[in-house]
Amino acid sequence: MRHERHGIGAALVRHVVANARAGLEELIAEVLPENVPMLTVFERSGCPMRTRHEGQVVHVTLGLN
């Protein structure tokens, strides 16, 4: 895809995390296991991260405290 690997996902995650910290304790995302670039973005977010695999989905929880 033309727009992949330009840091757009990382920028969006940083923006969402910064705004969510004002009133949320955690963010939850569902990611396909083969979407390694997005899982890497979450890992590099600087937030504590938990994952749980359920079928064909990875549930990602980012702590915001």
Protein backbone atom coordinates (compact mmCIF):
# COMPACT_ATOMS: atom_id res chain seq x y z
CA MET A 1 0.00 0.00 0.00
CA ARG A 2 1.13 3.48 -0.81
CA HIS A 3 0.60 4.96 2.67
CA GLU A 4 2.19 2.16 4.71
CA ARG A 5 5.47 2.58 6.57
CA HIS A 6 5.27 6.38 6.77
CA GLY A 7 4.58 6.61 10.51
CA ILE A 8 0.88 7.45 10.18
CA GLY A 9 -0.20 4.65 12.54
CA ALA A 10 2.40 5.62 15.14
CA ALA A 11 1.33 9.27 14.96
CA LEU A 12 -2.33 8.31 15.40
CA VAL A 13 -1.54 6.08 18.39
CA ARG A 14 0.48 8.88 20.03
CA HIS A 15 -2.40 11.31 19.48
CA VAL A 16 -5.05 8.92 20.82
CA VAL A 17 -2.93 7.99 23.87
CA ALA A 18 -2.24 11.64 24.70
CA ASN A 19 -5.93 12.51 24.56
CA ALA A 20 -7.16 9.34 26.25
CA ARG A 21 -4.93 9.89 29.28
CA ALA A 22 -7.21 12.77 30.29
CA GLY A 23 -10.00 10.39 31.30
CA LEU A 24 -9.27 6.74 30.56
CA GLU A 25 -7.21 4.11 32.32
CA GLU A 26 -6.59 1.91 29.28
CA LEU A 27 -7.09 1.55 25.55
CA ILE A 28 -8.15 -1.72 23.97
CA ALA A 29 -7.56 -2.61 20.33
CA GLU A 30 -8.22 -5.69 18.25
CA VAL A 31 -5.52 -6.47 15.68
CA LEU A 32 -5.10 -9.30 13.21
CA PRO A 33 -2.07 -11.41 14.16
CA GLU A 34 -0.50 -10.90 10.74
CA ASN A 35 -0.57 -7.11 11.21
CA VAL A 36 2.90 -7.12 12.75
CA PRO A 37 3.58 -3.45 11.91
CA MET A 38 0.57 -2.32 13.99
CA LEU A 39 1.49 -4.64 16.86
CA THR A 40 4.98 -3.11 16.76
CA VAL A 41 3.48 0.40 16.90
CA PHE A 42 1.62 -0.57 20.07
CA GLU A 43 4.78 -2.14 21.56
CA ARG A 44 6.73 1.07 20.90
CA SER A 45 4.00 3.36 22.26
CA GLY A 46 5.68 3.64 25.65
CA CYS A 47 2.56 2.33 27.39
CA PRO A 48 2.47 -0.91 29.35
CA MET A 49 1.00 -3.49 26.96
CA ARG A 50 -0.86 -6.74 27.50
CA THR A 51 -1.95 -9.05 24.69
CA ARG A 52 -4.43 -11.90 24.55
CA HIS A 53 -4.90 -14.10 21.51
CA GLU A 54 -8.46 -15.17 20.79
CA GLY A 55 -9.10 -16.99 17.53
CA GLN A 56 -7.88 -14.85 14.67
CA VAL A 57 -7.61 -11.67 16.74
CA VAL A 58 -5.02 -10.25 19.12
CA HIS A 59 -6.58 -8.16 21.87
CA VAL A 60 -4.13 -5.42 22.85
CA THR A 61 -4.55 -3.44 26.06
CA LEU A 62 -2.45 -0.34 26.63
CA GLY A 63 -2.23 1.03 30.16
CA LEU A 64 -2.50 4.82 30.32
CA ASN A 65 -1.57 5.54 33.95
